[in-house]
Amino acid sequence: MPFTEVVTFRLREGVRTEDFLAAAFRMDREFQPTQPGYLPGSRRTLRSPDGTWMISVDWETVQDSENSQAAFADAGEITEAYLGAMDPDSARIETWELFIPPAQ
């Protein structure tokens, strides 16, 4: 069964939603698909009413998720704007194992 990486965070003070979404779109198109074990089309970007953001990404294995996190830190320009928009004190990463897949 696949694993889902869940990242929650708030934007830094002064970061505009549209600027963050532009960086997130770039991540979705340029970084995520290059990562081994990424399940295409699984990356989702959500925002709660209180302004907390959640990104979820599905991976074949926990190791794939961990390897992507390591690669993310070294991806340079692609990830700089994305990370720069996040309030680091609010960021949290968790990995969840899927037990019951969505009904088809």
Protein backbone atom coordinates (compact mmCIF):
# COMPACT_ATOMS: atom_id res chain seq x y z
CA MET A 1 0.00 0.00 0.00
CA PRO A 2 1.20 3.53 -0.70
CA PHE A 3 2.13 6.16 1.84
CA THR A 4 0.92 9.75 2.04
CA GLU A 5 3.25 12.53 3.12
CA VAL A 6 1.31 15.36 4.79
CA VAL A 7 2.87 18.79 5.31
CA THR A 8 0.97 21.45 7.26
CA PHE A 9 2.09 25.05 7.71
CA ARG A 10 1.08 28.69 7.68
CA LEU A 11 2.44 31.28 5.27
CA ARG A 12 4.99 33.80 6.51
CA GLU A 13 3.65 37.21 7.40
CA GLY A 14 3.27 39.29 4.24
CA VAL A 15 3.35 36.40 1.74
CA ARG A 16 0.53 36.71 -0.78
CA THR A 17 -1.54 33.63 -1.51
CA GLU A 18 -1.03 34.01 -5.27
CA ASP A 19 2.77 34.09 -4.83
CA PHE A 20 2.70 30.93 -2.75
CA LEU A 21 0.40 29.20 -5.25
CA ALA A 22 2.76 30.09 -8.10
CA ALA A 23 5.63 28.44 -6.20
CA ALA A 24 3.43 25.44 -5.33
CA PHE A 25 2.40 25.06 -8.99
CA ARG A 26 6.06 25.04 -9.99
CA MET A 27 6.80 22.37 -7.39
CA ASP A 28 3.94 20.30 -8.77
CA ARG A 29 5.23 20.56 -12.34
CA GLU A 30 9.02 20.66 -12.02
CA PHE A 31 10.08 18.90 -8.81
CA GLN A 32 7.54 16.33 -7.74
CA PRO A 33 7.30 14.35 -11.02
CA THR A 34 11.09 13.84 -11.06
CA GLN A 35 11.11 12.04 -7.72
CA PRO A 36 11.32 8.23 -7.69
CA GLY A 37 8.26 6.62 -6.13
CA TYR A 38 5.99 9.65 -6.62
CA LEU A 39 2.48 8.60 -7.58
CA PRO A 40 1.55 10.97 -10.44
CA GLY A 41 -1.40 13.27 -9.87
CA SER A 42 -1.46 12.65 -6.13
CA ARG A 43 -0.13 16.02 -4.93
CA ARG A 44 -2.89 18.11 -3.38
CA THR A 45 -2.74 21.65 -1.97
CA LEU A 46 -5.47 22.61 0.51
CA ARG A 47 -6.17 25.50 2.89
CA SER A 48 -8.35 25.45 6.00
CA PRO A 49 -10.62 28.34 7.00
CA ASP A 50 -8.07 29.40 9.65
CA GLY A 51 -5.32 29.83 7.00
CA THR A 52 -3.41 26.61 7.66
CA TRP A 53 -2.16 24.98 4.47
CA MET A 54 -1.85 21.26 3.86
CA ILE A 55 0.06 19.56 1.07
CA SER A 56 -0.40 15.84 0.64
CA VAL A 57 1.63 13.66 -1.70
CA ASP A 58 1.37 9.91 -2.28
CA TRP A 59 4.48 7.72 -2.50
CA GLU A 60 5.10 4.07 -3.23
CA THR A 61 7.19 3.66 -0.04
CA VAL A 62 8.17 5.58 3.08
CA GLN A 63 11.75 5.56 1.79
CA ASP A 64 10.61 7.33 -1.39
CA SER A 65 9.01 10.05 0.75
CA GLU A 66 12.15 10.44 2.86
CA ASN A 67 14.39 10.55 -0.22
CA SER A 68 12.20 13.25 -1.74
CA GLN A 69 12.42 15.31 1.43
CA ALA A 70 16.23 15.10 1.27
CA ALA A 71 16.23 16.03 -2.44
CA PHE A 72 13.81 18.88 -1.72
CA ALA A 73 16.36 20.58 0.51
CA ASP A 74 18.90 20.57 -2.34
CA ALA A 75 16.59 21.47 -5.26
CA GLY A 76 17.73 25.10 -5.37
CA GLU A 77 15.63 27.63 -7.22
CA ILE A 78 12.59 25.36 -7.57
CA THR A 79 12.16 25.05 -3.82
CA GLU A 80 13.53 28.41 -2.62
CA ALA A 81 10.35 30.42 -3.26
CA TYR A 82 8.22 27.59 -1.93
CA LEU A 83 10.16 27.28 1.33
CA GLY A 84 10.50 31.04 1.59
CA ALA A 85 6.72 31.39 1.71
CA MET A 86 6.33 29.00 4.64
CA ASP A 87 6.51 29.99 8.30
CA PRO A 88 9.12 27.43 9.47
CA ASP A 89 7.86 27.51 13.05
CA SER A 90 4.46 26.28 11.91
CA ALA A 91 5.67 23.54 9.51
CA ARG A 92 5.08 19.89 10.31
CA ILE A 93 5.68 16.77 8.17
CA GLU A 94 4.05 13.41 8.77
CA THR A 95 3.90 10.20 6.77
CA TRP A 96 0.77 8.06 6.80
CA GLU A 97 0.30 4.51 5.54
CA LEU A 98 -2.80 3.83 3.47
CA PHE A 99 -4.88 0.87 4.67
CA ILE A 100 -8.18 1.31 2.86
CA PRO A 101 -7.94 2.87 -0.62
CA PRO A 102 -10.72 5.03 -2.04
CA ALA A 103 -13.62 3.12 -3.52
CA GLN A 104 -13.40 2.86 -7.30
